[in-house]
Structure formats: C-alpha cells, structure tokens
Amino acid sequence: MLYRYISEDMSMLAIRLPKDIEDRLDRLAKQTGRTKTFYAREAIVEHLEELEDVFLAEKRLREPVKRWTQDELEQGLDLDG
C-alpha cells in the first residue's frame, strides 16, 4: 500500500545506508520517476508496525504478564448467566 502525504506535519530524518542499498534505491527511483525519499518513507511506514509487534513480543517474553485460561475469561465475562 502506498501512503501519500500531502500537507501533513512532517519532520526530517537523515539515515546512512550501505552503498549497495543506496544504489538499489537510486535505481528504483530513476526507473519509476519517484524520489529516493518517497521509497525510503514507504519502506519505513510499511514495516514500522511489524517492527513494533516484534518489539512487543520480545518484551512479553522478557517480562511476562498475567495470563488467563479460557475458563477464567468466560467466568469474568459471565457468559453463562
């Protein structure tokens, strides 16, 4: 999914990329007529949620929280009454 940003409040970010990645990004931008910034932004937006999910999963493994059984959940919701 391509995200389009028109007049939203945006800030600037500078990143260092390995030469081969920058070359690929440059080639893609030239082939498509879009900017390298466009594709870098798309990559970040597309994968940010996945990275956040991985971080949360790893945190839960390090710092377990209370877990409930199916029976405990059903009793708490009073599904039988």
Protein backbone atom coordinates (compact mmCIF):
# COMPACT_ATOMS: atom_id res chain seq x y z
CA MET A 1 0.00 0.00 0.00
CA LEU A 2 1.43 3.36 -0.95
CA TYR A 3 0.90 6.14 1.56
CA ARG A 4 0.53 9.65 0.25
CA TYR A 5 1.45 12.61 2.37
CA ILE A 6 0.33 15.94 1.04
CA SER A 7 0.28 18.64 3.69
CA GLU A 8 0.69 16.69 6.91
CA ASP A 9 3.10 17.90 9.54
CA MET A 10 6.34 16.06 8.79
CA SER A 11 9.85 16.17 10.17
CA MET A 12 13.15 15.30 8.55
CA LEU A 13 15.28 12.22 9.17
CA ALA A 14 18.77 11.56 7.85
CA ILE A 15 19.93 7.96 7.55
CA ARG A 16 23.11 6.21 6.45
CA LEU A 17 22.69 3.29 4.08
CA PRO A 18 25.14 0.72 2.78
CA LYS A 19 26.28 1.68 -0.72
CA ASP A 20 24.56 -1.30 -2.38
CA ILE A 21 21.21 -0.42 -0.78
CA GLU A 22 21.52 3.23 -1.76
CA ASP A 23 22.37 2.15 -5.32
CA ARG A 24 19.27 -0.04 -5.48
CA LEU A 25 17.13 2.77 -4.10
CA ASP A 26 18.61 5.20 -6.60
CA ARG A 27 17.99 2.79 -9.49
CA LEU A 28 14.37 2.23 -8.44
CA ALA A 29 13.77 5.96 -8.11
CA LYS A 30 15.18 6.64 -11.57
CA GLN A 31 13.21 3.79 -13.16
CA THR A 32 9.92 4.93 -11.67
CA GLY A 33 10.30 8.69 -11.66
CA ARG A 34 9.80 8.88 -7.91
CA THR A 35 12.28 10.13 -5.34
CA LYS A 36 14.52 8.05 -3.10
CA THR A 37 12.82 9.82 -0.19
CA PHE A 38 9.45 8.53 -1.36
CA TYR A 39 10.63 4.92 -1.32
CA ALA A 40 12.53 5.24 1.95
CA ARG A 41 9.41 6.70 3.59
CA GLU A 42 7.24 3.93 2.11
CA ALA A 43 9.59 1.24 3.44
CA ILE A 44 9.55 2.73 6.93
CA VAL A 45 5.78 3.20 7.05
CA GLU A 46 5.13 -0.27 5.63
CA HIS A 47 7.36 -2.08 8.14
CA LEU A 48 7.07 0.05 11.27
CA GLU A 49 4.03 -1.81 12.61
CA GLU A 50 5.75 -5.16 12.10
CA LEU A 51 8.84 -3.92 13.97
CA GLU A 52 6.65 -2.64 16.82
CA ASP A 53 4.95 -6.07 17.03
CA VAL A 54 8.32 -7.83 17.21
CA PHE A 55 9.47 -5.46 19.96
CA LEU A 56 6.29 -6.08 21.96
CA ALA A 57 6.58 -9.87 21.56
CA GLU A 58 10.20 -9.83 22.72
CA LYS A 59 9.25 -7.62 25.68
CA ARG A 60 6.47 -10.02 26.67
CA LEU A 61 8.93 -12.91 26.60
CA ARG A 62 11.33 -10.99 28.86
CA GLU A 63 8.63 -9.58 31.14
CA PRO A 64 5.68 -11.99 31.27
CA VAL A 65 2.31 -10.59 32.30
CA LYS A 66 -0.75 -12.25 33.82
CA ARG A 67 -2.35 -14.78 31.53
CA TRP A 68 -5.86 -16.14 31.81
CA THR A 69 -7.31 -19.51 30.88
CA GLN A 70 -10.39 -19.74 28.68
CA ASP A 71 -12.46 -20.68 31.77
CA GLU A 72 -11.21 -17.63 33.69
CA LEU A 73 -12.11 -15.36 30.81
CA GLU A 74 -15.60 -16.85 30.46
CA GLN A 75 -16.23 -16.54 34.22
CA GLY A 76 -15.07 -12.92 34.21
CA LEU A 77 -17.44 -12.12 31.33
CA ASP A 78 -20.31 -14.03 32.97
CA LEU A 79 -21.21 -15.69 29.68
CA ASP A 80 -23.31 -18.38 31.36
CA GLY A 81 -25.51 -16.01 33.37
